[in-house]
Amino acid sequence: MKSEEIARYLQDNPQFFEEHADLVSRIVIPHPHGGRTISITERQMLSLRDKNKLLEGKMDELLQFGEENDSISEKMHRLAVAMIAASTFQAVLHILNFHLRDDFAIPHVALRLWNRPENIDELPEFANVSEELQVFAETLGQPYCGSTAGFETSSWFGDAASHLRSQALIAMRNGGGTIGMIALGSEEAQRFYVGMGTLYLERLGEMASAALARVLR
């Protein structure tokens, strides 16, 4: 008989072990971590111990993720409260930069808005942006995370541009239309990487869009 046939027979006939209870105690098998042999009962205990260690590792990982999410949620709440209290364009910019730098440890933040209201001075945030980048922002279903290579957004970071290895680009929308973009830069290649979760980046974009649309109205 093939080993698969034996395994299938034992699965289909669990009474075999009741009928041959003495056989179970006499069968020995190789130790999974050494050269000696052990009983089936010992092998089962070792298997359960390994599974328990695996489950403990997964539980520790879940707890760590939970703690990290709680921390980020608290930071997002502080940012949201500060944004609500901001009454001017400059106040919103200051709050955004302060919280992202000090609370989220994001060293480089840049922002561009497509249209400058008449009552607002000419600021870097209203500098010209290529039509290509505006179309790219319009098509973003979620924030872009990855390399800075090939993006004009690198120039938004000034002298730090040559040192950046990753970025996140977040489209800002108001009433369905795209009004601008937030760029977050980092010297770490894995700070913003392709495939990372973007839920909090999306919320950041929504909060910034609402606050800016309110003060620029």
N, C-alpha and C. Protein backbone atom coordinates (compact mmCIF):
# COMPACT_ATOMS: atom_id res chain seq x y z
N MET A 1 0.84 -1.20 0.00
CA MET A 1 0.00 0.00 0.00
C MET A 1 0.87 1.25 0.00
N LYS A 2 0.39 2.28 -0.66
CA LYS A 2 1.08 3.55 -0.66
C LYS A 2 0.77 4.30 0.63
N SER A 3 1.68 5.21 1.01
CA SER A 3 1.51 5.94 2.26
C SER A 3 0.22 6.76 2.26
N GLU A 4 -0.16 7.29 1.08
CA GLU A 4 -1.40 8.07 0.99
C GLU A 4 -2.62 7.20 1.26
N GLU A 5 -2.56 5.95 0.80
CA GLU A 5 -3.67 5.02 1.01
C GLU A 5 -3.80 4.65 2.49
N ILE A 6 -2.64 4.48 3.15
CA ILE A 6 -2.66 4.17 4.59
C ILE A 6 -3.25 5.34 5.37
N ALA A 7 -2.80 6.56 5.05
CA ALA A 7 -3.29 7.75 5.74
C ALA A 7 -4.79 7.90 5.54
N ARG A 8 -5.25 7.65 4.32
CA ARG A 8 -6.68 7.78 4.03
C ARG A 8 -7.48 6.71 4.78
N TYR A 9 -6.91 5.50 4.86
CA TYR A 9 -7.60 4.41 5.58
C TYR A 9 -7.74 4.76 7.06
N LEU A 10 -6.67 5.28 7.66
CA LEU A 10 -6.72 5.62 9.09
C LEU A 10 -7.69 6.76 9.36
N GLN A 11 -7.77 7.71 8.43
CA GLN A 11 -8.73 8.80 8.58
C GLN A 11 -10.16 8.30 8.48
N ASP A 12 -10.39 7.37 7.57
CA ASP A 12 -11.74 6.86 7.35
C ASP A 12 -12.15 5.82 8.39
N ASN A 13 -11.17 5.28 9.13
CA ASN A 13 -11.47 4.22 10.09
C ASN A 13 -10.84 4.55 11.45
N PRO A 14 -11.34 5.57 12.14
CA PRO A 14 -10.74 5.96 13.43
C PRO A 14 -10.85 4.87 14.49
N GLN A 15 -11.76 3.92 14.33
CA GLN A 15 -11.91 2.83 15.30
C GLN A 15 -10.69 1.90 15.30
N PHE A 16 -9.85 2.03 14.27
CA PHE A 16 -8.64 1.21 14.20
C PHE A 16 -7.80 1.38 15.46
N PHE A 17 -7.69 2.63 15.92
CA PHE A 17 -6.85 2.90 17.09
C PHE A 17 -7.47 2.37 18.38
N GLU A 18 -8.79 2.25 18.41
CA GLU A 18 -9.45 1.66 19.57
C GLU A 18 -9.25 0.15 19.57
N GLU A 19 -9.30 -0.43 18.39
CA GLU A 19 -9.16 -1.88 18.27
C GLU A 19 -7.71 -2.32 18.49
N HIS A 20 -6.77 -1.42 18.25
CA HIS A 20 -5.35 -1.75 18.39
C HIS A 20 -4.66 -0.71 19.29
N ALA A 21 -5.23 -0.49 20.46
CA ALA A 21 -4.70 0.52 21.38
C ALA A 21 -3.27 0.22 21.79
N ASP A 22 -2.92 -1.07 21.96
CA ASP A 22 -1.57 -1.44 22.38
C ASP A 22 -0.54 -1.13 21.30
N LEU A 23 -1.00 -1.13 20.04
CA LEU A 23 -0.07 -0.86 18.93
C LEU A 23 0.45 0.56 18.99
N VAL A 24 -0.42 1.49 19.36
CA VAL A 24 -0.03 2.90 19.41
C VAL A 24 1.12 3.12 20.37
N SER A 25 1.09 2.42 21.50
CA SER A 25 2.13 2.60 22.51
C SER A 25 3.45 1.97 22.10
N ARG A 26 3.41 1.00 21.14
CA ARG A 26 4.63 0.29 20.74
C ARG A 26 5.30 0.88 19.51
N ILE A 27 4.56 1.73 18.77
CA ILE A 27 5.12 2.32 17.55
C ILE A 27 6.05 3.49 17.92
N VAL A 28 7.23 3.50 17.33
CA VAL A 28 8.17 4.61 17.53
C VAL A 28 8.49 5.23 16.17
N ILE A 29 8.73 6.52 16.21
CA ILE A 29 9.01 7.27 14.98
C ILE A 29 10.21 8.17 15.22
N PRO A 30 10.87 8.67 14.14
CA PRO A 30 12.05 9.53 14.32
C PRO A 30 11.67 10.84 15.01
N HIS A 31 12.57 11.31 15.87
CA HIS A 31 12.39 12.60 16.52
C HIS A 31 12.55 13.70 15.47
N PRO A 32 11.66 14.70 15.45
CA PRO A 32 11.74 15.73 14.40
C PRO A 32 12.98 16.60 14.50
N HIS A 33 13.63 16.65 15.70
CA HIS A 33 14.79 17.53 15.87
C HIS A 33 16.04 16.76 16.30
N GLY A 34 16.08 15.46 16.04
CA GLY A 34 17.25 14.68 16.43
C GLY A 34 17.21 13.29 15.83
N GLY A 35 18.25 12.49 16.14
CA GLY A 35 18.36 11.18 15.54
C GLY A 35 17.63 10.08 16.29
N ARG A 36 17.24 10.30 17.53
CA ARG A 36 16.61 9.23 18.31
C ARG A 36 15.15 9.04 17.89
N THR A 37 14.56 7.96 18.40
CA THR A 37 13.15 7.69 18.11
C THR A 37 12.29 7.99 19.34
N ILE A 38 11.02 8.31 19.10
CA ILE A 38 10.09 8.62 20.17
C ILE A 38 8.75 7.95 19.87
N SER A 39 7.90 7.91 20.87
CA SER A 39 6.58 7.31 20.67
C SER A 39 5.67 8.29 19.94
N ILE A 40 4.57 7.75 19.42
CA ILE A 40 3.60 8.60 18.72
C ILE A 40 3.05 9.66 19.67
N THR A 41 2.84 9.27 20.94
CA THR A 41 2.31 10.23 21.92
C THR A 41 3.27 11.39 22.12
N GLU A 42 4.57 11.09 22.24
CA GLU A 42 5.57 12.14 22.38
C GLU A 42 5.60 13.03 21.14
N ARG A 43 5.51 12.37 19.97
CA ARG A 43 5.53 13.14 18.72
C ARG A 43 4.33 14.08 18.65
N GLN A 44 3.18 13.63 19.12
CA GLN A 44 1.99 14.48 19.11
C GLN A 44 2.17 15.66 20.05
N MET A 45 2.80 15.41 21.22
CA MET A 45 3.04 16.50 22.17
C MET A 45 3.99 17.54 21.58
N LEU A 46 5.03 17.07 20.90
CA LEU A 46 5.96 17.99 20.25
C LEU A 46 5.26 18.82 19.17
N SER A 47 4.40 18.14 18.41
CA SER A 47 3.66 18.84 17.36
C SER A 47 2.76 19.91 17.95
N LEU A 48 2.07 19.57 19.04
CA LEU A 48 1.19 20.54 19.70
C LEU A 48 1.99 21.71 20.28
N ARG A 49 3.18 21.40 20.79
CA ARG A 49 4.04 22.46 21.34
C ARG A 49 4.49 23.42 20.24
N ASP A 50 4.86 22.86 19.09
CA ASP A 50 5.27 23.72 17.96
C ASP A 50 4.12 24.59 17.48
N LYS A 51 2.91 23.99 17.40
CA LYS A 51 1.75 24.77 16.98
C LYS A 51 1.44 25.87 17.98
N ASN A 52 1.63 25.57 19.27
CA ASN A 52 1.38 26.57 20.31
C ASN A 52 2.34 27.75 20.18
N LYS A 53 3.62 27.44 19.90
CA LYS A 53 4.60 28.51 19.71
C LYS A 53 4.24 29.38 18.51
N LEU A 54 3.78 28.73 17.45
CA LEU A 54 3.37 29.47 16.25
C LEU A 54 2.20 30.39 16.54
N LEU A 55 1.22 29.88 17.28
CA LEU A 55 0.05 30.68 17.65
C LEU A 55 0.44 31.84 18.56
N GLU A 56 1.37 31.59 19.49
CA GLU A 56 1.83 32.65 20.37
C GLU A 56 2.51 33.76 19.57
N GLY A 57 3.31 33.35 18.57
CA GLY A 57 3.97 34.33 17.72
C GLY A 57 2.97 35.18 16.95
N LYS A 58 1.94 34.53 16.42
CA LYS A 58 0.91 35.26 15.68
C LYS A 58 0.13 36.19 16.61
N MET A 59 -0.13 35.73 17.84
CA MET A 59 -0.84 36.57 18.80
C MET A 59 -0.02 37.81 19.17
N ASP A 60 1.28 37.62 19.38
CA ASP A 60 2.16 38.75 19.67
C ASP A 60 2.17 39.75 18.53
N GLU A 61 2.17 39.21 17.29
CA GLU A 61 2.17 40.08 16.11
C GLU A 61 0.87 40.87 16.02
N LEU A 62 -0.26 40.22 16.29
CA LEU A 62 -1.56 40.90 16.27
C LEU A 62 -1.63 41.98 17.34
N LEU A 63 -1.11 41.67 18.53
CA LEU A 63 -1.11 42.66 19.62
C LEU A 63 -0.26 43.87 19.25
N GLN A 64 0.88 43.61 18.60
CA GLN A 64 1.74 44.71 18.18
C GLN A 64 1.05 45.59 17.15
N PHE A 65 0.38 44.95 16.17
CA PHE A 65 -0.35 45.71 15.17
C PHE A 65 -1.46 46.54 15.82
N GLY A 66 -2.14 45.92 16.81
CA GLY A 66 -3.21 46.62 17.50
C GLY A 66 -2.71 47.84 18.23
N GLU A 67 -1.57 47.70 18.91
CA GLU A 67 -0.99 48.83 19.64
C GLU A 67 -0.56 49.94 18.68
N GLU A 68 0.03 49.54 17.54
CA GLU A 68 0.45 50.54 16.55
C GLU A 68 -0.76 51.27 15.98
N ASN A 69 -1.83 50.55 15.69
CA ASN A 69 -3.04 51.18 15.16
C ASN A 69 -3.67 52.12 16.17
N ASP A 70 -3.66 51.73 17.45
CA ASP A 70 -4.19 52.60 18.49
C ASP A 70 -3.40 53.90 18.57
N SER A 71 -2.08 53.77 18.47
CA SER A 71 -1.21 54.95 18.53
C SER A 71 -1.46 55.88 17.35
N ILE A 72 -1.57 55.30 16.15
CA ILE A 72 -1.83 56.12 14.96
C ILE A 72 -3.20 56.78 15.04
N SER A 73 -4.19 56.06 15.55
CA SER A 73 -5.55 56.62 15.68
C SER A 73 -5.55 57.82 16.62
N GLU A 74 -4.79 57.73 17.71
CA GLU A 74 -4.70 58.86 18.64
C GLU A 74 -4.06 60.08 17.96
N LYS A 75 -3.02 59.83 17.18
CA LYS A 75 -2.35 60.92 16.47
C LYS A 75 -3.28 61.55 15.43
N MET A 76 -4.03 60.71 14.72
CA MET A 76 -4.97 61.22 13.73
C MET A 76 -6.06 62.05 14.40
N HIS A 77 -6.48 61.63 15.60
CA HIS A 77 -7.50 62.37 16.33
C HIS A 77 -6.96 63.74 16.72
N ARG A 78 -5.74 63.80 17.22
CA ARG A 78 -5.14 65.09 17.59
C ARG A 78 -5.04 66.01 16.38
N LEU A 79 -4.64 65.45 15.25
CA LEU A 79 -4.53 66.24 14.03
C LEU A 79 -5.90 66.75 13.59
N ALA A 80 -6.91 65.90 13.67
CA ALA A 80 -8.26 66.30 13.26
C ALA A 80 -8.79 67.43 14.13
N VAL A 81 -8.59 67.34 15.44
CA VAL A 81 -9.05 68.39 16.36
C VAL A 81 -8.36 69.71 16.04
N ALA A 82 -7.05 69.65 15.80
CA ALA A 82 -6.29 70.87 15.48
C ALA A 82 -6.75 71.47 14.16
N MET A 83 -7.05 70.62 13.18
CA MET A 83 -7.51 71.09 11.87
C MET A 83 -8.85 71.80 12.00
N ILE A 84 -9.73 71.24 12.81
CA ILE A 84 -11.05 71.85 13.00
C ILE A 84 -10.92 73.25 13.61
N ALA A 85 -9.95 73.40 14.52
CA ALA A 85 -9.78 74.68 15.21
C ALA A 85 -9.10 75.73 14.34
N ALA A 86 -8.39 75.30 13.28
CA ALA A 86 -7.66 76.25 12.42
C ALA A 86 -8.64 77.11 11.63
N SER A 87 -8.38 78.41 11.60
CA SER A 87 -9.32 79.33 10.94
C SER A 87 -8.71 80.04 9.73
N THR A 88 -7.41 79.86 9.49
CA THR A 88 -6.77 80.51 8.35
C THR A 88 -5.95 79.49 7.55
N PHE A 89 -5.63 79.86 6.33
CA PHE A 89 -4.85 79.00 5.46
C PHE A 89 -3.48 78.70 6.07
N GLN A 90 -2.82 79.74 6.57
CA GLN A 90 -1.50 79.56 7.17
C GLN A 90 -1.56 78.68 8.41
N ALA A 91 -2.65 78.78 9.17
CA ALA A 91 -2.81 77.95 10.37
C ALA A 91 -2.94 76.48 9.99
N VAL A 92 -3.70 76.20 8.94
CA VAL A 92 -3.84 74.82 8.48
C VAL A 92 -2.50 74.26 8.03
N LEU A 93 -1.73 75.05 7.27
CA LEU A 93 -0.42 74.60 6.82
C LEU A 93 0.50 74.32 8.00
N HIS A 94 0.49 75.24 8.98
CA HIS A 94 1.36 75.06 10.15
C HIS A 94 0.99 73.79 10.92
N ILE A 95 -0.29 73.58 11.14
CA ILE A 95 -0.76 72.41 11.89
C ILE A 95 -0.40 71.12 11.14
N LEU A 96 -0.61 71.13 9.85
CA LEU A 96 -0.31 69.94 9.03
C LEU A 96 1.17 69.60 9.12
N ASN A 97 2.01 70.59 8.94
CA ASN A 97 3.46 70.36 8.99
C ASN A 97 3.92 69.96 10.39
N PHE A 98 3.40 70.63 11.39
CA PHE A 98 3.81 70.35 12.77
C PHE A 98 3.46 68.93 13.19
N HIS A 99 2.22 68.52 12.96
CA HIS A 99 1.78 67.20 13.40
C HIS A 99 2.45 66.09 12.60
N LEU A 100 2.60 66.27 11.30
CA LEU A 100 3.23 65.23 10.49
C LEU A 100 4.71 65.07 10.86
N ARG A 101 5.36 66.19 11.17
CA ARG A 101 6.78 66.12 11.52
C ARG A 101 6.98 65.60 12.95
N ASP A 102 6.25 66.17 13.91
CA ASP A 102 6.50 65.83 15.32
C ASP A 102 5.74 64.58 15.78
N ASP A 103 4.51 64.40 15.34
CA ASP A 103 3.70 63.27 15.80
C ASP A 103 3.96 62.01 14.97
N PHE A 104 4.06 62.19 13.65
CA PHE A 104 4.20 61.04 12.76
C PHE A 104 5.63 60.81 12.28
N ALA A 105 6.54 61.70 12.69
CA ALA A 105 7.96 61.57 12.33
C ALA A 105 8.17 61.50 10.82
N ILE A 106 7.41 62.31 10.08
CA ILE A 106 7.60 62.44 8.64
C ILE A 106 8.41 63.71 8.39
N PRO A 107 9.66 63.59 8.00
CA PRO A 107 10.56 64.76 7.95
C PRO A 107 10.26 65.77 6.86
N HIS A 108 9.65 65.33 5.77
CA HIS A 108 9.47 66.25 4.63
C HIS A 108 8.02 66.23 4.16
N VAL A 109 7.41 67.40 4.16
CA VAL A 109 6.01 67.54 3.76
C VAL A 109 5.91 68.70 2.77
N ALA A 110 5.24 68.45 1.66
CA ALA A 110 5.02 69.50 0.67
C ALA A 110 3.59 69.41 0.16
N LEU A 111 3.06 70.53 -0.23
CA LEU A 111 1.65 70.58 -0.64
C LEU A 111 1.50 71.52 -1.82
N ARG A 112 0.65 71.13 -2.77
CA ARG A 112 0.35 72.00 -3.90
C ARG A 112 -1.15 72.03 -4.13
N LEU A 113 -1.65 73.22 -4.41
CA LEU A 113 -3.06 73.42 -4.75
C LEU A 113 -3.13 74.00 -6.15
N TRP A 114 -4.09 73.52 -6.92
CA TRP A 114 -4.13 73.90 -8.33
C TRP A 114 -4.53 75.37 -8.53
N ASN A 115 -5.48 75.87 -7.76
CA ASN A 115 -6.02 77.22 -8.00
C ASN A 115 -5.81 78.12 -6.79
N ARG A 116 -5.27 79.32 -7.02
CA ARG A 116 -5.04 80.27 -5.94
C ARG A 116 -6.18 81.29 -5.88
N PRO A 117 -6.85 81.39 -4.73
CA PRO A 117 -7.90 82.41 -4.58
C PRO A 117 -7.30 83.81 -4.66
N GLU A 118 -8.11 84.78 -5.01
CA GLU A 118 -7.62 86.15 -5.19
C GLU A 118 -7.12 86.77 -3.89
N ASN A 119 -7.68 86.37 -2.76
CA ASN A 119 -7.30 86.99 -1.49
C ASN A 119 -6.10 86.31 -0.83
N ILE A 120 -5.45 85.39 -1.53
CA ILE A 120 -4.30 84.67 -0.98
C ILE A 120 -3.04 85.09 -1.71
N ASP A 121 -1.96 85.32 -0.95
CA ASP A 121 -0.69 85.71 -1.56
C ASP A 121 -0.11 84.57 -2.40
N GLU A 122 0.85 84.93 -3.26
CA GLU A 122 1.54 83.91 -4.06
C GLU A 122 2.52 83.16 -3.16
N LEU A 123 2.18 81.93 -2.87
CA LEU A 123 2.97 81.10 -1.98
C LEU A 123 3.43 79.84 -2.72
N PRO A 124 4.44 79.15 -2.20
CA PRO A 124 4.92 77.92 -2.85
C PRO A 124 3.81 76.89 -3.05
N GLU A 125 2.83 76.89 -2.15
CA GLU A 125 1.72 75.93 -2.25
C GLU A 125 0.87 76.14 -3.49
N PHE A 126 1.00 77.30 -4.13
CA PHE A 126 0.21 77.58 -5.34
C PHE A 126 1.10 77.67 -6.59
N ALA A 127 2.32 77.16 -6.48
CA ALA A 127 3.23 77.15 -7.64
C ALA A 127 2.64 76.27 -8.74
N ASN A 128 3.05 76.55 -9.96
CA ASN A 128 2.52 75.80 -11.11
C ASN A 128 2.84 74.31 -11.02
N VAL A 129 1.86 73.52 -11.38
CA VAL A 129 2.00 72.05 -11.43
C VAL A 129 1.65 71.60 -12.83
N SER A 130 2.43 70.69 -13.38
CA SER A 130 2.21 70.24 -14.76
C SER A 130 0.85 69.59 -14.91
N GLU A 131 0.33 69.68 -16.13
CA GLU A 131 -0.96 69.04 -16.41
C GLU A 131 -0.86 67.53 -16.24
N GLU A 132 0.31 66.99 -16.55
CA GLU A 132 0.52 65.54 -16.41
C GLU A 132 0.33 65.10 -14.96
N LEU A 133 0.89 65.87 -14.02
CA LEU A 133 0.76 65.51 -12.60
C LEU A 133 -0.67 65.70 -12.13
N GLN A 134 -1.35 66.72 -12.63
CA GLN A 134 -2.75 66.93 -12.25
C GLN A 134 -3.62 65.77 -12.72
N VAL A 135 -3.35 65.28 -13.93
CA VAL A 135 -4.10 64.13 -14.44
C VAL A 135 -3.78 62.89 -13.61
N PHE A 136 -2.51 62.74 -13.22
CA PHE A 136 -2.11 61.61 -12.38
C PHE A 136 -2.85 61.64 -11.04
N ALA A 137 -2.93 62.83 -10.45
CA ALA A 137 -3.64 62.97 -9.17
C ALA A 137 -5.12 62.65 -9.34
N GLU A 138 -5.69 63.05 -10.46
CA GLU A 138 -7.10 62.80 -10.72
C GLU A 138 -7.40 61.31 -10.81
N THR A 139 -6.44 60.54 -11.30
CA THR A 139 -6.67 59.10 -11.50
C THR A 139 -6.30 58.25 -10.29
N LEU A 140 -5.74 58.87 -9.24
CA LEU A 140 -5.34 58.10 -8.07
C LEU A 140 -6.55 57.59 -7.31
N GLY A 141 -6.72 56.27 -7.29
CA GLY A 141 -7.80 55.70 -6.50
C GLY A 141 -7.44 55.64 -5.03
N GLN A 142 -6.14 55.58 -4.75
CA GLN A 142 -5.63 55.60 -3.38
C GLN A 142 -4.24 56.22 -3.44
N PRO A 143 -3.69 56.65 -2.30
CA PRO A 143 -2.38 57.30 -2.33
C PRO A 143 -1.30 56.43 -2.98
N TYR A 144 -0.40 57.11 -3.69
CA TYR A 144 0.73 56.41 -4.30
C TYR A 144 1.85 56.33 -3.27
N CYS A 145 2.46 55.17 -3.13
CA CYS A 145 3.60 54.99 -2.25
C CYS A 145 4.71 54.30 -3.04
N GLY A 146 5.91 54.85 -2.96
CA GLY A 146 7.01 54.23 -3.69
C GLY A 146 8.15 55.20 -3.92
N SER A 147 8.89 54.97 -4.98
CA SER A 147 10.08 55.74 -5.29
C SER A 147 9.74 57.18 -5.72
N THR A 148 10.70 58.06 -5.54
CA THR A 148 10.54 59.45 -5.98
C THR A 148 11.01 59.64 -7.43
N ALA A 149 11.65 58.63 -7.98
CA ALA A 149 12.21 58.74 -9.33
C ALA A 149 11.13 58.99 -10.36
N GLY A 150 11.38 59.97 -11.23
CA GLY A 150 10.47 60.24 -12.33
C GLY A 150 9.30 61.14 -11.98
N PHE A 151 9.25 61.64 -10.74
CA PHE A 151 8.14 62.51 -10.33
C PHE A 151 8.64 63.94 -10.13
N GLU A 152 7.89 64.89 -10.66
CA GLU A 152 8.26 66.28 -10.46
C GLU A 152 8.07 66.71 -9.00
N THR A 153 7.34 65.90 -8.23
CA THR A 153 7.12 66.22 -6.82
C THR A 153 8.44 66.28 -6.05
N SER A 154 9.49 65.64 -6.56
CA SER A 154 10.79 65.69 -5.88
C SER A 154 11.26 67.12 -5.70
N SER A 155 10.99 67.95 -6.70
CA SER A 155 11.43 69.35 -6.63
C SER A 155 10.71 70.14 -5.54
N TRP A 156 9.58 69.63 -5.09
CA TRP A 156 8.83 70.33 -4.04
C TRP A 156 9.58 70.34 -2.70
N PHE A 157 10.52 69.41 -2.54
CA PHE A 157 11.22 69.27 -1.26
C PHE A 157 12.51 70.07 -1.19
N GLY A 158 12.78 70.86 -2.21
CA GLY A 158 13.95 71.74 -2.17
C GLY A 158 15.27 70.99 -2.10
N ASP A 159 16.15 71.45 -1.20
CA ASP A 159 17.50 70.87 -1.09
C ASP A 159 17.48 69.42 -0.63
N ALA A 160 16.41 69.01 0.02
CA ALA A 160 16.34 67.63 0.53
C ALA A 160 16.00 66.62 -0.55
N ALA A 161 15.61 67.09 -1.73
CA ALA A 161 15.11 66.20 -2.78
C ALA A 161 16.09 65.08 -3.14
N SER A 162 17.37 65.39 -3.23
CA SER A 162 18.35 64.39 -3.66
C SER A 162 18.56 63.29 -2.61
N HIS A 163 18.13 63.53 -1.38
CA HIS A 163 18.34 62.55 -0.32
C HIS A 163 17.13 61.64 -0.10
N LEU A 164 16.02 61.95 -0.74
CA LEU A 164 14.80 61.19 -0.50
C LEU A 164 14.81 59.87 -1.27
N ARG A 165 14.32 58.82 -0.62
CA ARG A 165 14.28 57.50 -1.24
C ARG A 165 12.87 56.95 -1.40
N SER A 166 11.92 57.56 -0.75
CA SER A 166 10.53 57.12 -0.91
C SER A 166 9.59 58.28 -0.65
N GLN A 167 8.37 58.15 -1.18
CA GLN A 167 7.39 59.22 -0.99
C GLN A 167 5.98 58.65 -1.03
N ALA A 168 5.07 59.42 -0.46
CA ALA A 168 3.64 59.12 -0.55
C ALA A 168 2.97 60.34 -1.17
N LEU A 169 2.15 60.12 -2.18
CA LEU A 169 1.44 61.19 -2.86
C LEU A 169 -0.05 61.01 -2.63
N ILE A 170 -0.67 62.02 -2.05
CA ILE A 170 -2.07 61.93 -1.65
C ILE A 170 -2.87 63.00 -2.38
N ALA A 171 -3.82 62.59 -3.19
CA ALA A 171 -4.67 63.54 -3.91
C ALA A 171 -5.67 64.15 -2.93
N MET A 172 -5.86 65.47 -3.05
CA MET A 172 -6.86 66.15 -2.23
C MET A 172 -8.06 66.49 -3.10
N ARG A 173 -9.23 66.19 -2.60
CA ARG A 173 -10.45 66.38 -3.38
C ARG A 173 -11.49 67.16 -2.59
N ASN A 174 -12.31 67.89 -3.32
CA ASN A 174 -13.39 68.65 -2.71
C ASN A 174 -14.59 68.60 -3.66
N GLY A 175 -15.67 68.02 -3.18
CA GLY A 175 -16.84 67.90 -4.04
C GLY A 175 -16.62 66.98 -5.21
N GLY A 176 -15.71 66.02 -5.07
CA GLY A 176 -15.47 65.07 -6.15
C GLY A 176 -14.32 65.44 -7.05
N GLY A 177 -14.00 66.74 -7.17
CA GLY A 177 -12.90 67.17 -8.02
C GLY A 177 -11.59 67.25 -7.26
N THR A 178 -10.48 67.04 -7.95
CA THR A 178 -9.16 67.11 -7.32
C THR A 178 -8.71 68.56 -7.24
N ILE A 179 -8.32 69.00 -6.04
CA ILE A 179 -7.92 70.39 -5.83
C ILE A 179 -6.42 70.54 -5.57
N GLY A 180 -5.74 69.43 -5.33
CA GLY A 180 -4.32 69.52 -5.05
C GLY A 180 -3.73 68.19 -4.63
N MET A 181 -2.52 68.25 -4.10
CA MET A 181 -1.83 67.02 -3.71
C MET A 181 -0.90 67.29 -2.53
N ILE A 182 -0.83 66.31 -1.62
CA ILE A 182 0.13 66.33 -0.53
C ILE A 182 1.23 65.32 -0.86
N ALA A 183 2.49 65.73 -0.67
CA ALA A 183 3.62 64.84 -0.88
C ALA A 183 4.38 64.68 0.43
N LEU A 184 4.59 63.44 0.84
CA LEU A 184 5.36 63.12 2.05
C LEU A 184 6.63 62.42 1.62
N GLY A 185 7.77 62.91 2.08
CA GLY A 185 9.04 62.33 1.66
C GLY A 185 9.85 61.78 2.82
N SER A 186 10.68 60.77 2.52
CA SER A 186 11.52 60.16 3.54
C SER A 186 12.84 59.69 2.94
N GLU A 187 13.89 59.75 3.75
CA GLU A 187 15.18 59.22 3.33
C GLU A 187 15.22 57.70 3.39
N GLU A 188 14.24 57.09 4.03
CA GLU A 188 14.17 55.64 4.15
C GLU A 188 13.40 55.04 2.97
N ALA A 189 14.01 54.09 2.29
CA ALA A 189 13.38 53.49 1.10
C ALA A 189 12.12 52.73 1.45
N GLN A 190 12.03 52.19 2.68
CA GLN A 190 10.88 51.39 3.07
C GLN A 190 9.87 52.15 3.92
N ARG A 191 10.02 53.47 4.01
CA ARG A 191 9.03 54.23 4.78
C ARG A 191 7.70 54.26 4.04
N PHE A 192 7.76 54.51 2.73
CA PHE A 192 6.57 54.47 1.88
C PHE A 192 6.88 53.51 0.72
N TYR A 193 6.31 52.33 0.78
CA TYR A 193 6.65 51.31 -0.22
C TYR A 193 5.40 50.83 -0.95
N VAL A 194 5.60 50.31 -2.14
CA VAL A 194 4.50 49.80 -2.96
C VAL A 194 3.80 48.65 -2.23
N GLY A 195 2.49 48.74 -2.15
CA GLY A 195 1.71 47.68 -1.51
C GLY A 195 1.42 47.90 -0.04
N MET A 196 1.95 48.96 0.56
CA MET A 196 1.67 49.21 1.98
C MET A 196 0.23 49.68 2.17
N GLY A 197 -0.28 49.54 3.38
CA GLY A 197 -1.63 50.00 3.67
C GLY A 197 -1.73 51.52 3.60
N THR A 198 -2.80 52.02 3.03
CA THR A 198 -2.92 53.47 2.82
C THR A 198 -4.15 54.07 3.51
N LEU A 199 -4.78 53.33 4.41
CA LEU A 199 -6.01 53.81 5.04
C LEU A 199 -5.80 55.15 5.74
N TYR A 200 -4.76 55.25 6.55
CA TYR A 200 -4.53 56.49 7.29
C TYR A 200 -4.07 57.62 6.38
N LEU A 201 -3.36 57.29 5.32
CA LEU A 201 -2.98 58.32 4.34
C LEU A 201 -4.23 58.87 3.66
N GLU A 202 -5.18 58.00 3.36
CA GLU A 202 -6.43 58.44 2.75
C GLU A 202 -7.19 59.38 3.71
N ARG A 203 -7.23 59.01 4.98
CA ARG A 203 -7.91 59.86 5.96
C ARG A 203 -7.21 61.20 6.11
N LEU A 204 -5.89 61.17 6.05
CA LEU A 204 -5.13 62.42 6.10
C LEU A 204 -5.52 63.33 4.94
N GLY A 205 -5.60 62.76 3.75
CA GLY A 205 -5.99 63.53 2.58
C GLY A 205 -7.38 64.11 2.71
N GLU A 206 -8.31 63.35 3.25
CA GLU A 206 -9.68 63.82 3.42
C GLU A 206 -9.75 64.97 4.42
N MET A 207 -9.02 64.84 5.53
CA MET A 207 -9.02 65.90 6.54
C MET A 207 -8.39 67.18 6.01
N ALA A 208 -7.25 67.03 5.35
CA ALA A 208 -6.57 68.21 4.80
C ALA A 208 -7.42 68.89 3.74
N SER A 209 -8.08 68.10 2.90
CA SER A 209 -8.93 68.66 1.85
C SER A 209 -10.06 69.47 2.44
N ALA A 210 -10.73 68.91 3.46
CA ALA A 210 -11.86 69.60 4.08
C ALA A 210 -11.41 70.88 4.76
N ALA A 211 -10.27 70.83 5.47
CA ALA A 211 -9.80 72.02 6.18
C ALA A 211 -9.38 73.11 5.20
N LEU A 212 -8.65 72.74 4.16
CA LEU A 212 -8.19 73.74 3.19
C LEU A 212 -9.35 74.34 2.40
N ALA A 213 -10.30 73.50 2.00
CA ALA A 213 -11.46 74.00 1.27
C ALA A 213 -12.24 74.99 2.12
N ARG A 214 -12.28 74.76 3.43
CA ARG A 214 -13.03 75.65 4.33
C ARG A 214 -12.35 77.00 4.46
N VAL A 215 -11.04 77.03 4.66
CA VAL A 215 -10.35 78.31 4.88
C VAL A 215 -10.13 79.07 3.58
N LEU A 216 -10.19 78.39 2.45
CA LEU A 216 -9.98 79.06 1.16
C LEU A 216 -11.28 79.49 0.51
N ARG A 217 -12.40 79.11 1.12
CA ARG A 217 -13.70 79.40 0.52
C ARG A 217 -13.91 80.91 0.42
